[in-house]
Amino acid sequence: MGAEVAPDPDTPMTVSEDFEVMPCNWQSVCAFLACETQWRAVPMTLGQMAQVVTEVVWIGLDYVAVDVVLRRMGLGDAVFADLQVMERAALDVFAEVRG
């Protein structure tokens, strides 16, 4: 929009986490990013009384919604297979974070 804003000294700077994508994987990565809002998750409440903790448990991608995304992007089964590989890797990371 053309507005320049000076950085806030009280706000920590974020670190860029750039990564390289091989050209043969570009469509799959774009599709994965396009599906970022299509994850299924459920809240899980653990504990009793005053010790209650609620966590989010990630189930996986909503394949019905993913199918819509892939069709709208004109992508097929090979990209869907790649998405499943990335989904499994992401679920492993989510599980590590949960501990």
PDB file of N, CA and C in Angstrom:
ATOM      1  N   MET A   1       0.820  -1.184   0.000  1.00  0.00           N
ATOM      2  CA  MET A   1       0.000   0.000   0.000  1.00  0.00           C
ATOM      3  C   MET A   1       0.867   1.252   0.000  1.00  0.00           C
ATOM      4  N   GLY A   2       2.176   1.096   0.044  1.00  0.00           N
ATOM      5  CA  GLY A   2       3.067   2.237  -0.051  1.00  0.00           C
ATOM      6  C   GLY A   2       3.473   2.841   1.272  1.00  0.00           C
ATOM      7  N   ALA A   3       2.857   2.410   2.376  1.00  0.00           N
ATOM      8  CA  ALA A   3       3.205   2.982   3.676  1.00  0.00           C
ATOM      9  C   ALA A   3       4.462   2.310   4.210  1.00  0.00           C
ATOM     10  N   GLU A   4       5.357   3.104   4.728  1.00  0.00           N
ATOM     11  CA  GLU A   4       6.554   2.563   5.344  1.00  0.00           C
ATOM     12  C   GLU A   4       6.416   2.689   6.854  1.00  0.00           C
ATOM     13  N   VAL A   5       6.688   1.591   7.553  1.00  0.00           N
ATOM     14  CA  VAL A   5       6.555   1.560   9.000  1.00  0.00           C
ATOM     15  C   VAL A   5       7.903   1.157   9.584  1.00  0.00           C
ATOM     16  N   ALA A   6       8.365   1.957  10.532  1.00  0.00           N
ATOM     17  CA  ALA A   6       9.631   1.638  11.197  1.00  0.00           C
ATOM     18  C   ALA A   6       9.420   0.440  12.109  1.00  0.00           C
ATOM     19  N   PRO A   7      10.428  -0.452  12.208  1.00  0.00           N
ATOM     20  CA  PRO A   7      10.282  -1.609  13.097  1.00  0.00           C
ATOM     21  C   PRO A   7      10.134  -1.183  14.549  1.00  0.00           C
ATOM     22  N   ASP A   8       9.298  -1.905  15.264  1.00  0.00           N
ATOM     23  CA  ASP A   8       9.082  -1.658  16.686  1.00  0.00           C
ATOM     24  C   ASP A   8      10.237  -2.288  17.461  1.00  0.00           C
ATOM     25  N   PRO A   9      10.990  -1.513  18.236  1.00  0.00           N
ATOM     26  CA  PRO A   9      12.131  -2.085  18.967  1.00  0.00           C
ATOM     27  C   PRO A   9      11.725  -3.117  20.014  1.00  0.00           C
ATOM     28  N   ASP A  10      10.454  -3.110  20.430  1.00  0.00           N
ATOM     29  CA  ASP A  10       9.993  -4.073  21.430  1.00  0.00           C
ATOM     30  C   ASP A  10       9.511  -5.387  20.807  1.00  0.00           C
ATOM     31  N   THR A  11       9.395  -5.422  19.487  1.00  0.00           N
ATOM     32  CA  THR A  11       8.941  -6.620  18.804  1.00  0.00           C
ATOM     33  C   THR A  11      10.147  -7.391  18.296  1.00  0.00           C
ATOM     34  N   PRO A  12      10.266  -8.673  18.683  1.00  0.00           N
ATOM     35  CA  PRO A  12      11.419  -9.446  18.219  1.00  0.00           C
ATOM     36  C   PRO A  12      11.370  -9.653  16.711  1.00  0.00           C
ATOM     37  N   MET A  13      12.526  -9.635  16.092  1.00  0.00           N
ATOM     38  CA  MET A  13      12.627  -9.856  14.655  1.00  0.00           C
ATOM     39  C   MET A  13      12.406 -11.344  14.373  1.00  0.00           C
ATOM     40  N   THR A  14      11.735 -11.639  13.292  1.00  0.00           N
ATOM     41  CA  THR A  14      11.539 -13.034  12.919  1.00  0.00           C
ATOM     42  C   THR A  14      12.675 -13.476  12.008  1.00  0.00           C
ATOM     43  N   VAL A  15      12.990 -14.722  12.096  1.00  0.00           N
ATOM     44  CA  VAL A  15      14.042 -15.286  11.267  1.00  0.00           C
ATOM     45  C   VAL A  15      13.391 -15.927  10.051  1.00  0.00           C
ATOM     46  N   SER A  16      13.898 -15.602   8.895  1.00  0.00           N
ATOM     47  CA  SER A  16      13.379 -16.188   7.672  1.00  0.00           C
ATOM     48  C   SER A  16      13.814 -17.648   7.593  1.00  0.00           C
ATOM     49  N   GLU A  17      12.884 -18.514   7.280  1.00  0.00           N
ATOM     50  CA  GLU A  17      13.194 -19.922   7.138  1.00  0.00           C
ATOM     51  C   GLU A  17      13.018 -20.329   5.679  1.00  0.00           C
ATOM     52  N   ASP A  18      13.757 -19.668   4.809  1.00  0.00           N
ATOM     53  CA  ASP A  18      13.703 -19.984   3.391  1.00  0.00           C
ATOM     54  C   ASP A  18      14.206 -21.398   3.154  1.00  0.00           C
ATOM     55  N   PHE A  19      13.690 -22.030   2.139  1.00  0.00           N
ATOM     56  CA  PHE A  19      14.163 -23.360   1.764  1.00  0.00           C
ATOM     57  C   PHE A  19      14.086 -23.486   0.251  1.00  0.00           C
ATOM     58  N   GLU A  20      14.929 -24.330  -0.269  1.00  0.00           N
ATOM     59  CA  GLU A  20      14.991 -24.531  -1.706  1.00  0.00           C
ATOM     60  C   GLU A  20      14.025 -25.647  -2.096  1.00  0.00           C
ATOM     61  N   VAL A  21      13.361 -25.477  -3.235  1.00  0.00           N
ATOM     62  CA  VAL A  21      12.449 -26.487  -3.756  1.00  0.00           C
ATOM     63  C   VAL A  21      12.923 -26.875  -5.149  1.00  0.00           C
ATOM     64  N   MET A  22      13.098 -28.167  -5.340  1.00  0.00           N
ATOM     65  CA  MET A  22      13.487 -28.647  -6.666  1.00  0.00           C
ATOM     66  C   MET A  22      12.338 -28.384  -7.633  1.00  0.00           C
ATOM     67  N   PRO A  23      12.636 -27.997  -8.862  1.00  0.00           N
ATOM     68  CA  PRO A  23      11.571 -27.695  -9.834  1.00  0.00           C
ATOM     69  C   PRO A  23      10.544 -28.822  -9.989  1.00  0.00           C
ATOM     70  N   CYS A  24      10.970 -30.077  -9.901  1.00  0.00           N
ATOM     71  CA  CYS A  24      10.031 -31.193 -10.067  1.00  0.00           C
ATOM     72  C   CYS A  24       9.037 -31.292  -8.905  1.00  0.00           C
ATOM     73  N   ASN A  25       9.333 -30.619  -7.788  1.00  0.00           N
ATOM     74  CA  ASN A  25       8.450 -30.647  -6.614  1.00  0.00           C
ATOM     75  C   ASN A  25       7.644 -29.361  -6.432  1.00  0.00           C
ATOM     76  N   TRP A  26       7.843 -28.390  -7.312  1.00  0.00           N
ATOM     77  CA  TRP A  26       7.238 -27.073  -7.129  1.00  0.00           C
ATOM     78  C   TRP A  26       5.709 -27.144  -7.036  1.00  0.00           C
ATOM     79  N   GLN A  27       5.067 -27.871  -7.957  1.00  0.00           N
ATOM     80  CA  GLN A  27       3.599 -27.948  -7.926  1.00  0.00           C
ATOM     81  C   GLN A  27       3.104 -28.582  -6.627  1.00  0.00           C
ATOM     82  N   SER A  28       3.803 -29.599  -6.157  1.00  0.00           N
ATOM     83  CA  SER A  28       3.380 -30.274  -4.923  1.00  0.00           C
ATOM     84  C   SER A  28       3.508 -29.356  -3.717  1.00  0.00           C
ATOM     85  N   VAL A  29       4.576 -28.589  -3.652  1.00  0.00           N
ATOM     86  CA  VAL A  29       4.758 -27.660  -2.531  1.00  0.00           C
ATOM     87  C   VAL A  29       3.691 -26.566  -2.595  1.00  0.00           C
ATOM     88  N   CYS A  30       3.425 -26.047  -3.780  1.00  0.00           N
ATOM     89  CA  CYS A  30       2.372 -25.031  -3.920  1.00  0.00           C
ATOM     90  C   CYS A  30       1.018 -25.590  -3.500  1.00  0.00           C
ATOM     91  N   ALA A  31       0.731 -26.830  -3.873  1.00  0.00           N
ATOM     92  CA  ALA A  31      -0.533 -27.457  -3.488  1.00  0.00           C
ATOM     93  C   ALA A  31      -0.605 -27.642  -1.975  1.00  0.00           C
ATOM     94  N   PHE A  32       0.500 -28.061  -1.357  1.00  0.00           N
ATOM     95  CA  PHE A  32       0.535 -28.239   0.101  1.00  0.00           C
ATOM     96  C   PHE A  32       0.253 -26.910   0.797  1.00  0.00           C
ATOM     97  N   LEU A  33       0.870 -25.849   0.316  1.00  0.00           N
ATOM     98  CA  LEU A  33       0.640 -24.534   0.916  1.00  0.00           C
ATOM     99  C   LEU A  33      -0.792 -24.061   0.667  1.00  0.00           C
ATOM    100  N   ALA A  34      -1.357 -24.405  -0.485  1.00  0.00           N
ATOM    101  CA  ALA A  34      -2.741 -24.021  -0.783  1.00  0.00           C
ATOM    102  C   ALA A  34      -3.725 -24.751   0.125  1.00  0.00           C
ATOM    103  N   CYS A  35      -3.305 -25.885   0.676  1.00  0.00           N
ATOM    104  CA  CYS A  35      -4.164 -26.677   1.573  1.00  0.00           C
ATOM    105  C   CYS A  35      -3.949 -26.348   3.042  1.00  0.00           C
ATOM    106  N   GLU A  36      -3.239 -25.273   3.328  1.00  0.00           N
ATOM    107  CA  GLU A  36      -2.876 -24.978   4.719  1.00  0.00           C
ATOM    108  C   GLU A  36      -4.074 -24.797   5.645  1.00  0.00           C
ATOM    109  N   THR A  37      -5.236 -24.457   5.110  1.00  0.00           N
ATOM    110  CA  THR A  37      -6.421 -24.279   5.961  1.00  0.00           C
ATOM    111  C   THR A  37      -7.316 -25.515   5.951  1.00  0.00           C
ATOM    112  N   GLN A  38      -6.823 -26.614   5.398  1.00  0.00           N
ATOM    113  CA  GLN A  38      -7.659 -27.803   5.247  1.00  0.00           C
ATOM    114  C   GLN A  38      -7.284 -28.945   6.193  1.00  0.00           C
ATOM    115  N   TRP A  39      -6.689 -28.615   7.319  1.00  0.00           N
ATOM    116  CA  TRP A  39      -6.303 -29.623   8.301  1.00  0.00           C
ATOM    117  C   TRP A  39      -7.464 -29.937   9.232  1.00  0.00           C
ATOM    118  N   ARG A  40      -7.576 -31.210   9.587  1.00  0.00           N
ATOM    119  CA  ARG A  40      -8.547 -31.617  10.598  1.00  0.00           C
ATOM    120  C   ARG A  40      -7.828 -31.703  11.940  1.00  0.00           C
ATOM    121  N   ALA A  41      -8.441 -31.122  12.931  1.00  0.00           N
ATOM    122  CA  ALA A  41      -7.872 -31.135  14.282  1.00  0.00           C
ATOM    123  C   ALA A  41      -9.023 -31.259  15.273  1.00  0.00           C
ATOM    124  N   VAL A  42      -8.717 -31.870  16.420  1.00  0.00           N
ATOM    125  CA  VAL A  42      -9.723 -31.996  17.466  1.00  0.00           C
ATOM    126  C   VAL A  42      -9.117 -31.553  18.791  1.00  0.00           C
ATOM    127  N   PRO A  43      -9.920 -30.885  19.623  1.00  0.00           N
ATOM    128  CA  PRO A  43      -9.418 -30.533  20.955  1.00  0.00           C
ATOM    129  C   PRO A  43      -9.472 -31.764  21.857  1.00  0.00           C
ATOM    130  N   MET A  44      -8.460 -31.911  22.666  1.00  0.00           N
ATOM    131  CA  MET A  44      -8.429 -33.015  23.625  1.00  0.00           C
ATOM    132  C   MET A  44      -8.180 -32.438  25.004  1.00  0.00           C
ATOM    133  N   THR A  45      -9.094 -32.712  25.915  1.00  0.00           N
ATOM    134  CA  THR A  45      -8.959 -32.225  27.278  1.00  0.00           C
ATOM    135  C   THR A  45      -8.410 -33.346  28.147  1.00  0.00           C
ATOM    136  N   LEU A  46      -7.337 -33.030  28.851  1.00  0.00           N
ATOM    137  CA  LEU A  46      -6.672 -34.014  29.709  1.00  0.00           C
ATOM    138  C   LEU A  46      -6.683 -33.518  31.145  1.00  0.00           C
ATOM    139  N   GLY A  47      -6.737 -34.435  32.084  1.00  0.00           N
ATOM    140  CA  GLY A  47      -6.659 -34.061  33.493  1.00  0.00           C
ATOM    141  C   GLY A  47      -8.009 -34.039  34.169  1.00  0.00           C
ATOM    142  N   GLN A  48      -7.961 -33.616  35.425  1.00  0.00           N
ATOM    143  CA  GLN A  48      -9.171 -33.558  36.237  1.00  0.00           C
ATOM    144  C   GLN A  48      -9.200 -32.253  37.014  1.00  0.00           C
ATOM    145  N   MET A  49     -10.381 -31.739  37.193  1.00  0.00           N
ATOM    146  CA  MET A  49     -10.649 -30.547  37.988  1.00  0.00           C
ATOM    147  C   MET A  49      -9.684 -29.399  37.686  1.00  0.00           C
ATOM    148  N   ALA A  50      -8.867 -29.000  38.662  1.00  0.00           N
ATOM    149  CA  ALA A  50      -8.000 -27.824  38.518  1.00  0.00           C
ATOM    150  C   ALA A  50      -6.797 -28.074  37.618  1.00  0.00           C
ATOM    151  N   GLN A  51      -6.550 -29.316  37.237  1.00  0.00           N
ATOM    152  CA  GLN A  51      -5.388 -29.670  36.439  1.00  0.00           C
ATOM    153  C   GLN A  51      -5.741 -29.916  34.967  1.00  0.00           C
ATOM    154  N   VAL A  52      -6.811 -29.330  34.485  1.00  0.00           N
ATOM    155  CA  VAL A  52      -7.275 -29.579  33.121  1.00  0.00           C
ATOM    156  C   VAL A  52      -6.403 -28.842  32.120  1.00  0.00           C
ATOM    157  N   VAL A  53      -6.002 -29.562  31.094  1.00  0.00           N
ATOM    158  CA  VAL A  53      -5.211 -29.003  29.996  1.00  0.00           C
ATOM    159  C   VAL A  53      -5.897 -29.381  28.697  1.00  0.00           C
ATOM    160  N   THR A  54      -6.080 -28.430  27.817  1.00  0.00           N
ATOM    161  CA  THR A  54      -6.664 -28.718  26.515  1.00  0.00           C
ATOM    162  C   THR A  54      -5.590 -28.575  25.452  1.00  0.00           C
ATOM    163  N   GLU A  55      -5.458 -29.594  24.639  1.00  0.00           N
ATOM    164  CA  GLU A  55      -4.494 -29.606  23.546  1.00  0.00           C
ATOM    165  C   GLU A  55      -5.235 -29.802  22.233  1.00  0.00           C
ATOM    166  N   VAL A  56      -4.585 -29.449  21.158  1.00  0.00           N
ATOM    167  CA  VAL A  56      -5.116 -29.721  19.827  1.00  0.00           C
ATOM    168  C   VAL A  56      -4.383 -30.934  19.285  1.00  0.00           C
ATOM    169  N   VAL A  57      -5.150 -31.912  18.826  1.00  0.00           N
ATOM    170  CA  VAL A  57      -4.577 -33.099  18.212  1.00  0.00           C
ATOM    171  C   VAL A  57      -4.854 -33.009  16.713  1.00  0.00           C
ATOM    172  N   TRP A  58      -3.795 -33.024  15.936  1.00  0.00           N
ATOM    173  CA  TRP A  58      -3.918 -32.923  14.484  1.00  0.00           C
ATOM    174  C   TRP A  58      -4.182 -34.305  13.908  1.00  0.00           C
ATOM    175  N   ILE A  59      -5.267 -34.427  13.150  1.00  0.00           N
ATOM    176  CA  ILE A  59      -5.688 -35.706  12.580  1.00  0.00           C
ATOM    177  C   ILE A  59      -5.070 -35.901  11.197  1.00  0.00           C
ATOM    178  N   GLY A  60      -5.080 -34.880  10.391  1.00  0.00           N
ATOM    179  CA  GLY A  60      -4.555 -34.957   9.034  1.00  0.00           C
ATOM    180  C   GLY A  60      -5.315 -34.011   8.134  1.00  0.00           C
ATOM    181  N   LEU A  61      -5.006 -34.063   6.866  1.00  0.00           N
ATOM    182  CA  LEU A  61      -5.684 -33.207   5.898  1.00  0.00           C
ATOM    183  C   LEU A  61      -7.097 -33.717   5.639  1.00  0.00           C
ATOM    184  N   ASP A  62      -8.002 -32.801   5.384  1.00  0.00           N
ATOM    185  CA  ASP A  62      -9.373 -33.125   4.996  1.00  0.00           C
ATOM    186  C   ASP A  62      -9.336 -33.426   3.493  1.00  0.00           C
ATOM    187  N   TYR A  63      -9.365 -34.717   3.135  1.00  0.00           N
ATOM    188  CA  TYR A  63      -9.158 -35.110   1.737  1.00  0.00           C
ATOM    189  C   TYR A  63     -10.255 -34.612   0.801  1.00  0.00           C
ATOM    190  N   VAL A  64     -11.461 -34.426   1.301  1.00  0.00           N
ATOM    191  CA  VAL A  64     -12.521 -33.866   0.450  1.00  0.00           C
ATOM    192  C   VAL A  64     -12.142 -32.444   0.034  1.00  0.00           C
ATOM    193  N   ALA A  65     -11.690 -31.656   0.990  1.00  0.00           N
ATOM    194  CA  ALA A  65     -11.276 -30.278   0.688  1.00  0.00           C
ATOM    195  C   ALA A  65     -10.006 -30.260  -0.155  1.00  0.00           C
ATOM    196  N   VAL A  66      -9.080 -31.173   0.127  1.00  0.00           N
ATOM    197  CA  VAL A  66      -7.849 -31.252  -0.654  1.00  0.00           C
ATOM    198  C   VAL A  66      -8.173 -31.563  -2.114  1.00  0.00           C
ATOM    199  N   ASP A  67      -9.130 -32.461  -2.328  1.00  0.00           N
ATOM    200  CA  ASP A  67      -9.530 -32.801  -3.697  1.00  0.00           C
ATOM    201  C   ASP A  67     -10.031 -31.562  -4.440  1.00  0.00           C
ATOM    202  N   VAL A  68     -10.801 -30.736  -3.758  1.00  0.00           N
ATOM    203  CA  VAL A  68     -11.290 -29.501  -4.379  1.00  0.00           C
ATOM    204  C   VAL A  68     -10.113 -28.596  -4.742  1.00  0.00           C
ATOM    205  N   VAL A  69      -9.176 -28.437  -3.823  1.00  0.00           N
ATOM    206  CA  VAL A  69      -8.008 -27.593  -4.074  1.00  0.00           C
ATOM    207  C   VAL A  69      -7.234 -28.114  -5.282  1.00  0.00           C
ATOM    208  N   LEU A  70      -6.978 -29.417  -5.314  1.00  0.00           N
ATOM    209  CA  LEU A  70      -6.205 -29.984  -6.418  1.00  0.00           C
ATOM    210  C   LEU A  70      -6.929 -29.834  -7.751  1.00  0.00           C
ATOM    211  N   ARG A  71      -8.238 -30.079  -7.760  1.00  0.00           N
ATOM    212  CA  ARG A  71      -8.995 -29.912  -9.012  1.00  0.00           C
ATOM    213  C   ARG A  71      -8.981 -28.462  -9.470  1.00  0.00           C
ATOM    214  N   ARG A  72      -9.148 -27.524  -8.541  1.00  0.00           N
ATOM    215  CA  ARG A  72      -9.138 -26.101  -8.903  1.00  0.00           C
ATOM    216  C   ARG A  72      -7.775 -25.671  -9.440  1.00  0.00           C
ATOM    217  N   MET A  73      -6.713 -26.331  -8.955  1.00  0.00           N
ATOM    218  CA  MET A  73      -5.366 -26.006  -9.423  1.00  0.00           C
ATOM    219  C   MET A  73      -4.984 -26.813 -10.670  1.00  0.00           C
ATOM    220  N   GLY A  74      -5.850 -27.732 -11.081  1.00  0.00           N
ATOM    221  CA  GLY A  74      -5.575 -28.547 -12.256  1.00  0.00           C
ATOM    222  C   GLY A  74      -4.500 -29.591 -12.026  1.00  0.00           C
ATOM    223  N   LEU A  75      -4.396 -30.099 -10.795  1.00  0.00           N
ATOM    224  CA  LEU A  75      -3.355 -31.063 -10.441  1.00  0.00           C
ATOM    225  C   LEU A  75      -3.965 -32.443 -10.219  1.00  0.00           C
ATOM    226  N   GLY A  76      -3.151 -33.474 -10.372  1.00  0.00           N
ATOM    227  CA  GLY A  76      -3.677 -34.834 -10.330  1.00  0.00           C
ATOM    228  C   GLY A  76      -3.137 -35.710  -9.223  1.00  0.00           C
ATOM    229  N   ASP A  77      -3.177 -37.021  -9.505  1.00  0.00           N
ATOM    230  CA  ASP A  77      -2.869 -38.040  -8.510  1.00  0.00           C
ATOM    231  C   ASP A  77      -1.429 -38.010  -8.007  1.00  0.00           C
ATOM    232  N   ALA A  78      -0.485 -37.669  -8.872  1.00  0.00           N
ATOM    233  CA  ALA A  78       0.922 -37.640  -8.447  1.00  0.00           C
ATOM    234  C   ALA A  78       1.128 -36.575  -7.363  1.00  0.00           C
ATOM    235  N   VAL A  79       0.496 -35.427  -7.533  1.00  0.00           N
ATOM    236  CA  VAL A  79       0.610 -34.363  -6.535  1.00  0.00           C
ATOM    237  C   VAL A  79      -0.100 -34.784  -5.249  1.00  0.00           C
ATOM    238  N   PHE A  80      -1.246 -35.464  -5.370  1.00  0.00           N
ATOM    239  CA  PHE A  80      -1.934 -35.949  -4.177  1.00  0.00           C
ATOM    240  C   PHE A  80      -1.038 -36.910  -3.395  1.00  0.00           C
ATOM    241  N   ALA A  81      -0.334 -37.794  -4.095  1.00  0.00           N
ATOM    242  CA  ALA A  81       0.581 -38.725  -3.429  1.00  0.00           C
ATOM    243  C   ALA A  81       1.694 -37.954  -2.712  1.00  0.00           C
ATOM    244  N   ASP A  82       2.206 -36.905  -3.347  1.00  0.00           N
ATOM    245  CA  ASP A  82       3.225 -36.067  -2.703  1.00  0.00           C
ATOM    246  C   ASP A  82       2.665 -35.389  -1.452  1.00  0.00           C
ATOM    247  N   LEU A  83       1.411 -34.918  -1.537  1.00  0.00           N
ATOM    248  CA  LEU A  83       0.778 -34.276  -0.378  1.00  0.00           C
ATOM    249  C   LEU A  83       0.680 -35.246   0.796  1.00  0.00           C
ATOM    250  N   GLN A  84       0.388 -36.504   0.513  1.00  0.00           N
ATOM    251  CA  GLN A  84       0.289 -37.486   1.585  1.00  0.00           C
ATOM    252  C   GLN A  84       1.641 -37.694   2.267  1.00  0.00           C
ATOM    253  N   VAL A  85       2.713 -37.643   1.493  1.00  0.00           N
ATOM    254  CA  VAL A  85       4.056 -37.763   2.083  1.00  0.00           C
ATOM    255  C   VAL A  85       4.332 -36.560   2.990  1.00  0.00           C
ATOM    256  N   MET A  86       4.008 -35.348   2.500  1.00  0.00           N
ATOM    257  CA  MET A  86       4.231 -34.138   3.301  1.00  0.00           C
ATOM    258  C   MET A  86       3.315 -34.119   4.524  1.00  0.00           C
ATOM    259  N   GLU A  87       2.085 -34.600   4.358  1.00  0.00           N
ATOM    260  CA  GLU A  87       1.145 -34.676   5.489  1.00  0.00           C
ATOM    261  C   GLU A  87       1.713 -35.574   6.588  1.00  0.00           C
ATOM    262  N   ARG A  88       2.221 -36.749   6.217  1.00  0.00           N
ATOM    263  CA  ARG A  88       2.783 -37.682   7.208  1.00  0.00           C
ATOM    264  C   ARG A  88       3.955 -37.036   7.942  1.00  0.00           C
ATOM    265  N   ALA A  89       4.824 -36.338   7.188  1.00  0.00           N
ATOM    266  CA  ALA A  89       5.971 -35.667   7.816  1.00  0.00           C
ATOM    267  C   ALA A  89       5.497 -34.569   8.763  1.00  0.00           C
ATOM    268  N   ALA A  90       4.488 -33.809   8.355  1.00  0.00           N
ATOM    269  CA  ALA A  90       3.960 -32.744   9.208  1.00  0.00           C
ATOM    270  C   ALA A  90       3.336 -33.327  10.473  1.00  0.00           C
ATOM    271  N   LEU A  91       2.585 -34.415  10.341  1.00  0.00           N
ATOM    272  CA  LEU A  91       1.971 -35.037  11.520  1.00  0.00           C
ATOM    273  C   LEU A  91       3.041 -35.536  12.491  1.00  0.00           C
ATOM    274  N   ASP A  92       4.150 -36.053  11.965  1.00  0.00           N
ATOM    275  CA  ASP A  92       5.256 -36.472  12.839  1.00  0.00           C
ATOM    276  C   ASP A  92       5.822 -35.280  13.610  1.00  0.00           C
ATOM    277  N   VAL A  93       5.970 -34.137  12.941  1.00  0.00           N
ATOM    278  CA  VAL A  93       6.472 -32.929  13.608  1.00  0.00           C
ATOM    279  C   VAL A  93       5.472 -32.444  14.651  1.00  0.00           C
ATOM    280  N   PHE A  94       4.169 -32.443  14.303  1.00  0.00           N
ATOM    281  CA  PHE A  94       3.151 -32.022  15.267  1.00  0.00           C
ATOM    282  C   PHE A  94       3.190 -32.900  16.509  1.00  0.00           C
ATOM    283  N   ALA A  95       3.388 -34.210  16.323  1.00  0.00           N
ATOM    284  CA  ALA A  95       3.452 -35.126  17.449  1.00  0.00           C
ATOM    285  C   ALA A  95       4.671 -34.857  18.325  1.00  0.00           C
ATOM    286  N   GLU A  96       5.793 -34.515  17.709  1.00  0.00           N
ATOM    287  CA  GLU A  96       6.988 -34.168  18.475  1.00  0.00           C
ATOM    288  C   GLU A  96       6.761 -32.923  19.317  1.00  0.00           C
ATOM    289  N   VAL A  97       6.102 -31.945  18.732  1.00  0.00           N
ATOM    290  CA  VAL A  97       5.835 -30.684  19.443  1.00  0.00           C
ATOM    291  C   VAL A  97       4.941 -30.952  20.643  1.00  0.00           C
ATOM    292  N   ARG A  98       3.942 -31.825  20.471  1.00  0.00           N
ATOM    293  CA  ARG A  98       3.049 -32.164  21.588  1.00  0.00           C
ATOM    294  C   ARG A  98       3.798 -32.889  22.685  1.00  0.00           C
ATOM    295  N   GLY A  99       4.852 -33.582  22.303  1.00  0.00           N
ATOM    296  CA  GLY A  99       5.701 -34.214  23.282  1.00  0.00           C
ATOM    297  C   GLY A  99       5.311 -35.549  23.689  1.00  0.00           C
TER     298      GLY A  99
END
